[in-house]
Amino acid sequence: PRRYYSFDTFQAFNQFDTMNQVITIAAIVAFFLQFVFII
């Protein structure tokens, strides 16, 4: 589900921990890439 603060208590969704980390790292890289455009 979207808009959940944490999935720690949901056993069914813990399998996506690594995927969530990959998504987050990609989002951070995408964010800082926009400063290339801004500069």
All heavy atoms as atom14 arrays in JSON, in Angstrom:
{
  "sequence": "PRRYYSFDTFQAFNQFDTMNQVITIAAIVAFFLQFVFII",
  "atom14_mask": [
    [1, 1, 1, 1, 1, 1, 1, 0, 0, 0, 0, 0, 0, 0],
    [1, 1, 1, 1, 1, 1, 1, 1, 1, 1, 1, 0, 0, 0],
    [1, 1, 1, 1, 1, 1, 1, 1, 1, 1, 1, 0, 0, 0],
    [1, 1, 1, 1, 1, 1, 1, 1, 1, 1, 1, 1, 0, 0],
    [1, 1, 1, 1, 1, 1, 1, 1, 1, 1, 1, 1, 0, 0],
    [1, 1, 1, 1, 1, 1, 0, 0, 0, 0, 0, 0, 0, 0],
    [1, 1, 1, 1, 1, 1, 1, 1, 1, 1, 1, 0, 0, 0],
    [1, 1, 1, 1, 1, 1, 1, 1, 0, 0, 0, 0, 0, 0],
    [1, 1, 1, 1, 1, 1, 1, 0, 0, 0, 0, 0, 0, 0],
    [1, 1, 1, 1, 1, 1, 1, 1, 1, 1, 1, 0, 0, 0],
    [1, 1, 1, 1, 1, 1, 1, 1, 1, 0, 0, 0, 0, 0],
    [1, 1, 1, 1, 1, 0, 0, 0, 0, 0, 0, 0, 0, 0],
    [1, 1, 1, 1, 1, 1, 1, 1, 1, 1, 1, 0, 0, 0],
    [1, 1, 1, 1, 1, 1, 1, 1, 0, 0, 0, 0, 0, 0],
    [1, 1, 1, 1, 1, 1, 1, 1, 1, 0, 0, 0, 0, 0],
    [1, 1, 1, 1, 1, 1, 1, 1, 1, 1, 1, 0, 0, 0],
    [1, 1, 1, 1, 1, 1, 1, 1, 0, 0, 0, 0, 0, 0],
    [1, 1, 1, 1, 1, 1, 1, 0, 0, 0, 0, 0, 0, 0],
    [1, 1, 1, 1, 1, 1, 1, 1, 0, 0, 0, 0, 0, 0],
    [1, 1, 1, 1, 1, 1, 1, 1, 0, 0, 0, 0, 0, 0],
    [1, 1, 1, 1, 1, 1, 1, 1, 1, 0, 0, 0, 0, 0],
    [1, 1, 1, 1, 1, 1, 1, 0, 0, 0, 0, 0, 0, 0],
    [1, 1, 1, 1, 1, 1, 1, 1, 0, 0, 0, 0, 0, 0],
    [1, 1, 1, 1, 1, 1, 1, 0, 0, 0, 0, 0, 0, 0],
    [1, 1, 1, 1, 1, 1, 1, 1, 0, 0, 0, 0, 0, 0],
    [1, 1, 1, 1, 1, 0, 0, 0, 0, 0, 0, 0, 0, 0],
    [1, 1, 1, 1, 1, 0, 0, 0, 0, 0, 0, 0, 0, 0],
    [1, 1, 1, 1, 1, 1, 1, 1, 0, 0, 0, 0, 0, 0],
    [1, 1, 1, 1, 1, 1, 1, 0, 0, 0, 0, 0, 0, 0],
    [1, 1, 1, 1, 1, 0, 0, 0, 0, 0, 0, 0, 0, 0],
    [1, 1, 1, 1, 1, 1, 1, 1, 1, 1, 1, 0, 0, 0],
    [1, 1, 1, 1, 1, 1, 1, 1, 1, 1, 1, 0, 0, 0],
    [1, 1, 1, 1, 1, 1, 1, 1, 0, 0, 0, 0, 0, 0],
    [1, 1, 1, 1, 1, 1, 1, 1, 1, 0, 0, 0, 0, 0],
    [1, 1, 1, 1, 1, 1, 1, 1, 1, 1, 1, 0, 0, 0],
    [1, 1, 1, 1, 1, 1, 1, 0, 0, 0, 0, 0, 0, 0],
    [1, 1, 1, 1, 1, 1, 1, 1, 1, 1, 1, 0, 0, 0],
    [1, 1, 1, 1, 1, 1, 1, 1, 0, 0, 0, 0, 0, 0],
    [1, 1, 1, 1, 1, 1, 1, 1, 0, 0, 0, 0, 0, 0]
  ],
  "atom14_positions": [
    [[0.82, -1.22, 0.0], [0.0, 0.0, 0.0], [0.85, 1.27, 0.0], [1.94, 1.29, 0.56], [-0.81, -0.12, 1.3], [0.03, -0.97, 2.18], [0.82, -1.9, 1.31], [0.0, 0.0, 0.0], [0.0, 0.0, 0.0], [0.0, 0.0, 0.0], [0.0, 0.0, 0.0], [0.0, 0.0, 0.0], [0.0, 0.0, 0.0], [0.0, 0.0, 0.0]],
    [[0.35, 2.29, -0.64], [1.05, 3.58, -0.65], [0.74, 4.35, 0.63], [-0.18, 4.03, 1.37], [0.64, 4.4, -1.88], [-0.84, 4.75, -1.94], [-1.15, 5.6, -3.16], [-2.58, 5.83, -3.32], [-3.1, 6.69, -4.18], [-2.31, 7.41, -4.95], [-4.41, 6.83, -4.3], [0.0, 0.0, 0.0], [0.0, 0.0, 0.0], [0.0, 0.0, 0.0]],
    [[1.55, 5.39, 0.9], [1.35, 6.33, 2.0], [1.52, 5.7, 3.38], [1.1, 6.28, 4.37], [-0.02, 7.02, 1.9], [-0.18, 7.85, 0.63], [-1.55, 8.49, 0.54], [-1.71, 9.23, -0.71], [-2.87, 9.63, -1.2], [-3.99, 9.37, -0.54], [-2.93, 10.29, -2.33], [0.0, 0.0, 0.0], [0.0, 0.0, 0.0], [0.0, 0.0, 0.0]],
    [[2.12, 4.53, 3.46], [2.4, 3.94, 4.76], [3.75, 4.46, 5.25], [4.72, 4.49, 4.49], [2.42, 2.42, 4.68], [1.06, 1.76, 4.84], [-0.07, 2.31, 4.25], [0.9, 0.6, 5.58], [-1.31, 1.72, 4.38], [-0.34, -0.01, 5.73], [-1.44, 0.57, 5.12], [-2.68, -0.02, 5.26], [0.0, 0.0, 0.0], [0.0, 0.0, 0.0]],
    [[3.8, 4.79, 6.53], [5.02, 5.33, 7.14], [6.1, 4.27, 7.26], [7.28, 4.55, 7.07], [4.65, 5.89, 8.51], [5.82, 6.26, 9.4], [6.54, 7.43, 9.18], [6.18, 5.45, 10.49], [7.59, 7.78, 10.01], [7.22, 5.8, 11.32], [7.93, 6.96, 11.08], [8.97, 7.32, 11.9], [0.0, 0.0, 0.0], [0.0, 0.0, 0.0]],
    [[5.71, 3.04, 7.57], [6.67, 1.97, 7.77], [6.01, 0.62, 7.47], [4.81, 0.44, 7.7], [7.18, 1.98, 9.22], [7.97, 0.84, 9.48], [0.0, 0.0, 0.0], [0.0, 0.0, 0.0], [0.0, 0.0, 0.0], [0.0, 0.0, 0.0], [0.0, 0.0, 0.0], [0.0, 0.0, 0.0], [0.0, 0.0, 0.0], [0.0, 0.0, 0.0]],
    [[6.82, -0.31, 6.96], [6.32, -1.66, 6.68], [6.93, -2.7, 7.63], [6.83, -3.89, 7.39], [6.63, -2.04, 5.22], [5.94, -1.16, 4.21], [6.65, -0.21, 3.5], [4.58, -1.27, 4.0], [6.02, 0.61, 2.58], [3.93, -0.45, 3.08], [4.65, 0.49, 2.37], [0.0, 0.0, 0.0], [0.0, 0.0, 0.0], [0.0, 0.0, 0.0]],
    [[7.56, -2.21, 8.72], [8.26, -3.12, 9.63], [7.35, -4.19, 10.2], [7.77, -5.33, 10.43], [8.89, -2.32, 10.78], [10.09, -1.52, 10.31], [10.54, -1.76, 9.17], [10.57, -0.65, 11.07], [0.0, 0.0, 0.0], [0.0, 0.0, 0.0], [0.0, 0.0, 0.0], [0.0, 0.0, 0.0], [0.0, 0.0, 0.0], [0.0, 0.0, 0.0]],
    [[6.11, -3.82, 10.48], [5.2, -4.77, 11.13], [4.44, -5.64, 10.14], [3.61, -6.45, 10.56], [4.18, -3.99, 12.01], [3.49, -3.05, 11.18], [4.88, -3.27, 13.14], [0.0, 0.0, 0.0], [0.0, 0.0, 0.0], [0.0, 0.0, 0.0], [0.0, 0.0, 0.0], [0.0, 0.0, 0.0], [0.0, 0.0, 0.0], [0.0, 0.0, 0.0]],
    [[4.72, -5.49, 8.85], [4.01, -6.27, 7.84], [4.97, -7.33, 7.27], [5.85, -7.02, 6.45], [3.51, -5.37, 6.71], [2.48, -4.38, 7.15], [2.85, -3.11, 7.56], [1.14, -4.7, 7.15], [1.91, -2.19, 7.97], [0.18, -3.78, 7.56], [0.56, -2.52, 7.96], [0.0, 0.0, 0.0], [0.0, 0.0, 0.0], [0.0, 0.0, 0.0]],
    [[4.77, -8.56, 7.71], [5.66, -9.62, 7.28], [5.62, -9.81, 5.76], [6.62, -10.1, 5.12], [5.25, -10.92, 7.98], [6.41, -11.89, 8.15], [6.07, -13.01, 9.1], [4.9, -13.17, 9.47], [7.05, -13.78, 9.52], [0.0, 0.0, 0.0], [0.0, 0.0, 0.0], [0.0, 0.0, 0.0], [0.0, 0.0, 0.0], [0.0, 0.0, 0.0]],
    [[4.43, -9.61, 5.16], [4.27, -9.85, 3.73], [5.09, -8.86, 2.9], [5.44, -9.14, 1.74], [2.8, -9.75, 3.35], [0.0, 0.0, 0.0], [0.0, 0.0, 0.0], [0.0, 0.0, 0.0], [0.0, 0.0, 0.0], [0.0, 0.0, 0.0], [0.0, 0.0, 0.0], [0.0, 0.0, 0.0], [0.0, 0.0, 0.0], [0.0, 0.0, 0.0]],
    [[5.38, -7.66, 3.45], [6.05, -6.63, 2.66], [7.53, -6.46, 2.99], [8.22, -5.67, 2.36], [5.33, -5.29, 2.86], [3.86, -5.34, 2.56], [2.94, -4.68, 3.36], [3.39, -6.07, 1.48], [1.57, -4.74, 3.08], [2.03, -6.14, 1.19], [1.13, -5.47, 2.0], [0.0, 0.0, 0.0], [0.0, 0.0, 0.0], [0.0, 0.0, 0.0]],
    [[8.03, -7.2, 3.99], [9.44, -7.08, 4.35], [10.37, -7.53, 3.23], [11.54, -7.14, 3.18], [9.75, -7.89, 5.62], [9.18, -7.2, 6.86], [8.85, -6.03, 6.81], [9.07, -7.95, 7.95], [0.0, 0.0, 0.0], [0.0, 0.0, 0.0], [0.0, 0.0, 0.0], [0.0, 0.0, 0.0], [0.0, 0.0, 0.0], [0.0, 0.0, 0.0]],
    [[9.84, -8.37, 2.33], [10.67, -8.88, 1.24], [11.09, -7.76, 0.29], [12.0, -7.96, -0.53], [9.89, -9.95, 0.47], [8.58, -9.41, -0.14], [7.75, -10.5, -0.78], [8.24, -11.17, -1.67], [6.51, -10.65, -0.36], [0.0, 0.0, 0.0], [0.0, 0.0, 0.0], [0.0, 0.0, 0.0], [0.0, 0.0, 0.0], [0.0, 0.0, 0.0]],
    [[10.44, -6.58, 0.4], [10.76, -5.48, -0.51], [11.73, -4.47, 0.11], [11.91, -3.37, -0.43], [9.48, -4.76, -0.94], [8.56, -5.61, -1.77], [7.37, -6.09, -1.25], [8.91, -5.96, -3.07], [6.53, -6.88, -2.02], [8.07, -6.75, -3.84], [6.88, -7.22, -3.31], [0.0, 0.0, 0.0], [0.0, 0.0, 0.0], [0.0, 0.0, 0.0]],
    [[12.36, -4.84, 1.23], [13.29, -3.91, 1.88], [14.42, -3.49, 0.94], [14.73, -2.3, 0.81], [13.88, -4.55, 3.15], [12.88, -4.58, 4.3], [11.79, -3.99, 4.14], [13.19, -5.2, 5.34], [0.0, 0.0, 0.0], [0.0, 0.0, 0.0], [0.0, 0.0, 0.0], [0.0, 0.0, 0.0], [0.0, 0.0, 0.0], [0.0, 0.0, 0.0]],
    [[15.01, -4.47, 0.27], [16.13, -4.15, -0.64], [15.65, -3.31, -1.81], [16.32, -2.35, -2.22], [16.78, -5.45, -1.15], [17.21, -6.23, -0.03], [17.97, -5.14, -2.05], [0.0, 0.0, 0.0], [0.0, 0.0, 0.0], [0.0, 0.0, 0.0], [0.0, 0.0, 0.0], [0.0, 0.0, 0.0], [0.0, 0.0, 0.0], [0.0, 0.0, 0.0]],
    [[14.48, -3.65, -2.35], [13.93, -2.87, -3.46], [13.67, -1.43, -3.04], [13.96, -0.49, -3.79], [12.64, -3.52, -3.96], [12.08, -2.88, -5.23], [10.59, -3.69, -5.84], [11.29, -5.16, -6.58], [0.0, 0.0, 0.0], [0.0, 0.0, 0.0], [0.0, 0.0, 0.0], [0.0, 0.0, 0.0], [0.0, 0.0, 0.0], [0.0, 0.0, 0.0]],
    [[13.16, -1.24, -1.83], [12.93, 0.11, -1.32], [14.23, 0.89, -1.19], [14.28, 2.1, -1.44], [12.21, 0.06, 0.03], [10.7, 0.06, -0.12], [10.16, 0.66, -1.04], [10.02, -0.63, 0.77], [0.0, 0.0, 0.0], [0.0, 0.0, 0.0], [0.0, 0.0, 0.0], [0.0, 0.0, 0.0], [0.0, 0.0, 0.0], [0.0, 0.0, 0.0]],
    [[15.3, 0.19, -0.81], [16.6, 0.86, -0.71], [17.11, 1.29, -2.09], [17.62, 2.4, -2.27], [17.6, -0.07, -0.02], [17.3, -0.29, 1.46], [18.17, -1.37, 2.07], [19.09, -1.88, 1.42], [17.9, -1.72, 3.32], [0.0, 0.0, 0.0], [0.0, 0.0, 0.0], [0.0, 0.0, 0.0], [0.0, 0.0, 0.0], [0.0, 0.0, 0.0]],
    [[16.95, 0.4, -3.08], [17.38, 0.73, -4.44], [16.59, 1.93, -4.97], [17.16, 2.86, -5.58], [17.2, -0.5, -5.37], [17.4, -0.1, -6.83], [18.15, -1.61, -4.98], [0.0, 0.0, 0.0], [0.0, 0.0, 0.0], [0.0, 0.0, 0.0], [0.0, 0.0, 0.0], [0.0, 0.0, 0.0], [0.0, 0.0, 0.0], [0.0, 0.0, 0.0]],
    [[15.26, 1.91, -4.74], [14.42, 3.02, -5.19], [14.86, 4.32, -4.55], [14.97, 5.37, -5.21], [12.93, 2.73, -4.87], [12.4, 1.59, -5.74], [12.07, 3.99, -5.07], [11.02, 1.1, -5.33], [0.0, 0.0, 0.0], [0.0, 0.0, 0.0], [0.0, 0.0, 0.0], [0.0, 0.0, 0.0], [0.0, 0.0, 0.0], [0.0, 0.0, 0.0]],
    [[15.14, 4.27, -3.25], [15.54, 5.48, -2.52], [16.87, 6.02, -3.04], [17.02, 7.24, -3.25], [15.62, 5.18, -1.01], [14.33, 4.79, -0.54], [16.08, 6.42, -0.24], [0.0, 0.0, 0.0], [0.0, 0.0, 0.0], [0.0, 0.0, 0.0], [0.0, 0.0, 0.0], [0.0, 0.0, 0.0], [0.0, 0.0, 0.0], [0.0, 0.0, 0.0]],
    [[17.84, 5.15, -3.25], [19.15, 5.59, -3.76], [18.98, 6.21, -5.15], [19.55, 7.27, -5.45], [20.14, 4.41, -3.79], [20.49, 4.0, -2.36], [21.4, 4.78, -4.56], [21.22, 2.67, -2.25], [0.0, 0.0, 0.0], [0.0, 0.0, 0.0], [0.0, 0.0, 0.0], [0.0, 0.0, 0.0], [0.0, 0.0, 0.0], [0.0, 0.0, 0.0]],
    [[18.19, 5.56, -6.01], [17.94, 6.11, -7.35], [17.27, 7.48, -7.26], [17.59, 8.39, -8.04], [17.09, 5.15, -8.16], [0.0, 0.0, 0.0], [0.0, 0.0, 0.0], [0.0, 0.0, 0.0], [0.0, 0.0, 0.0], [0.0, 0.0, 0.0], [0.0, 0.0, 0.0], [0.0, 0.0, 0.0], [0.0, 0.0, 0.0], [0.0, 0.0, 0.0]],
    [[16.32, 7.63, -6.32], [15.64, 8.92, -6.16], [16.61, 10.01, -5.71], [16.54, 11.16, -6.18], [14.5, 8.78, -5.14], [0.0, 0.0, 0.0], [0.0, 0.0, 0.0], [0.0, 0.0, 0.0], [0.0, 0.0, 0.0], [0.0, 0.0, 0.0], [0.0, 0.0, 0.0], [0.0, 0.0, 0.0], [0.0, 0.0, 0.0], [0.0, 0.0, 0.0]],
    [[17.53, 9.67, -4.82], [18.52, 10.65, -4.35], [19.42, 11.08, -5.51], [19.7, 12.27, -5.7], [19.35, 10.06, -3.19], [18.46, 9.87, -1.96], [20.53, 10.97, -2.85], [19.11, 9.05, -0.85], [0.0, 0.0, 0.0], [0.0, 0.0, 0.0], [0.0, 0.0, 0.0], [0.0, 0.0, 0.0], [0.0, 0.0, 0.0], [0.0, 0.0, 0.0]],
    [[19.87, 10.1, -6.31], [20.72, 10.43, -7.46], [19.94, 11.32, -8.44], [20.47, 12.32, -8.95], [21.2, 9.14, -8.16], [21.95, 9.48, -9.45], [22.09, 8.32, -7.23], [0.0, 0.0, 0.0], [0.0, 0.0, 0.0], [0.0, 0.0, 0.0], [0.0, 0.0, 0.0], [0.0, 0.0, 0.0], [0.0, 0.0, 0.0], [0.0, 0.0, 0.0]],
    [[18.67, 10.97, -8.7], [17.84, 11.77, -9.61], [17.69, 13.19, -9.1], [17.75, 14.16, -9.87], [16.46, 11.12, -9.78], [0.0, 0.0, 0.0], [0.0, 0.0, 0.0], [0.0, 0.0, 0.0], [0.0, 0.0, 0.0], [0.0, 0.0, 0.0], [0.0, 0.0, 0.0], [0.0, 0.0, 0.0], [0.0, 0.0, 0.0], [0.0, 0.0, 0.0]],
    [[17.49, 13.34, -7.79], [17.33, 14.67, -7.19], [18.58, 15.52, -7.41], [18.5, 16.67, -7.86], [17.03, 14.52, -5.7], [16.96, 15.83, -4.95], [15.89, 16.7, -5.13], [17.96, 16.18, -4.06], [15.81, 17.9, -4.43], [17.9, 17.38, -3.36], [16.82, 18.25, -3.54], [0.0, 0.0, 0.0], [0.0, 0.0, 0.0], [0.0, 0.0, 0.0]],
    [[19.74, 14.95, -7.13], [20.97, 15.75, -7.27], [21.33, 16.0, -8.73], [21.99, 16.99, -9.05], [22.12, 15.09, -6.5], [22.02, 15.3, -5.01], [21.62, 14.27, -4.18], [22.27, 16.55, -4.45], [21.49, 14.47, -2.81], [22.15, 16.77, -3.09], [21.75, 15.73, -2.26], [0.0, 0.0, 0.0], [0.0, 0.0, 0.0], [0.0, 0.0, 0.0]],
    [[20.88, 15.11, -9.63], [21.09, 15.37, -11.05], [20.38, 16.63, -11.5], [20.81, 17.3, -12.46], [20.6, 14.18, -11.88], [21.6, 13.05, -12.12], [20.9, 11.82, -12.65], [22.7, 13.5, -13.1], [0.0, 0.0, 0.0], [0.0, 0.0, 0.0], [0.0, 0.0, 0.0], [0.0, 0.0, 0.0], [0.0, 0.0, 0.0], [0.0, 0.0, 0.0]],
    [[19.27, 16.97, -10.84], [18.53, 18.17, -11.25], [19.34, 19.44, -10.96], [19.09, 20.49, -11.56], [17.16, 18.24, -10.57], [16.29, 17.01, -10.81], [16.38, 16.47, -12.22], [16.11, 17.17, -13.2], [16.78, 15.2, -12.34], [0.0, 0.0, 0.0], [0.0, 0.0, 0.0], [0.0, 0.0, 0.0], [0.0, 0.0, 0.0], [0.0, 0.0, 0.0]],
    [[20.31, 19.34, -10.05], [21.15, 20.51, -9.8], [22.13, 20.74, -10.96], [22.61, 21.86, -11.13], [21.9, 20.35, -8.46], [20.99, 20.57, -7.28], [20.37, 19.5, -6.66], [20.74, 21.86, -6.81], [19.51, 19.7, -5.59], [19.89, 22.07, -5.74], [19.28, 20.99, -5.13], [0.0, 0.0, 0.0], [0.0, 0.0, 0.0], [0.0, 0.0, 0.0]],
    [[22.41, 19.7, -11.74], [23.16, 19.91, -12.98], [22.37, 20.84, -13.9], [22.93, 21.78, -14.49], [23.43, 18.56, -13.68], [24.08, 18.78, -15.05], [24.28, 17.65, -12.8], [0.0, 0.0, 0.0], [0.0, 0.0, 0.0], [0.0, 0.0, 0.0], [0.0, 0.0, 0.0], [0.0, 0.0, 0.0], [0.0, 0.0, 0.0], [0.0, 0.0, 0.0]],
    [[21.06, 20.57, -14.01], [20.2, 21.45, -14.82], [20.14, 22.85, -14.22], [20.26, 23.85, -14.95], [18.8, 20.86, -14.91], [17.75, 21.84, -15.38], [17.65, 22.17, -16.73], [16.89, 22.46, -14.48], [16.72, 23.09, -17.17], [15.95, 23.38, -14.91], [15.87, 23.7, -16.26], [0.0, 0.0, 0.0], [0.0, 0.0, 0.0], [0.0, 0.0, 0.0]],
    [[19.93, 22.95, -12.91], [19.76, 24.27, -12.28], [21.02, 25.12, -12.45], [20.95, 26.31, -12.78], [19.38, 24.09, -10.79], [17.97, 23.5, -10.68], [19.47, 25.41, -10.04], [17.61, 22.99, -9.3], [0.0, 0.0, 0.0], [0.0, 0.0, 0.0], [0.0, 0.0, 0.0], [0.0, 0.0, 0.0], [0.0, 0.0, 0.0], [0.0, 0.0, 0.0]],
    [[22.19, 24.5, -12.23], [23.46, 25.23, -12.41], [23.6, 25.65, -13.87], [23.95, 26.81, -14.18], [24.64, 24.35, -11.97], [24.62, 24.15, -10.45], [25.97, 24.98, -12.41], [25.53, 23.05, -9.95], [0.0, 0.0, 0.0], [0.0, 0.0, 0.0], [0.0, 0.0, 0.0], [0.0, 0.0, 0.0], [0.0, 0.0, 0.0], [0.0, 0.0, 0.0]]
  ]
}
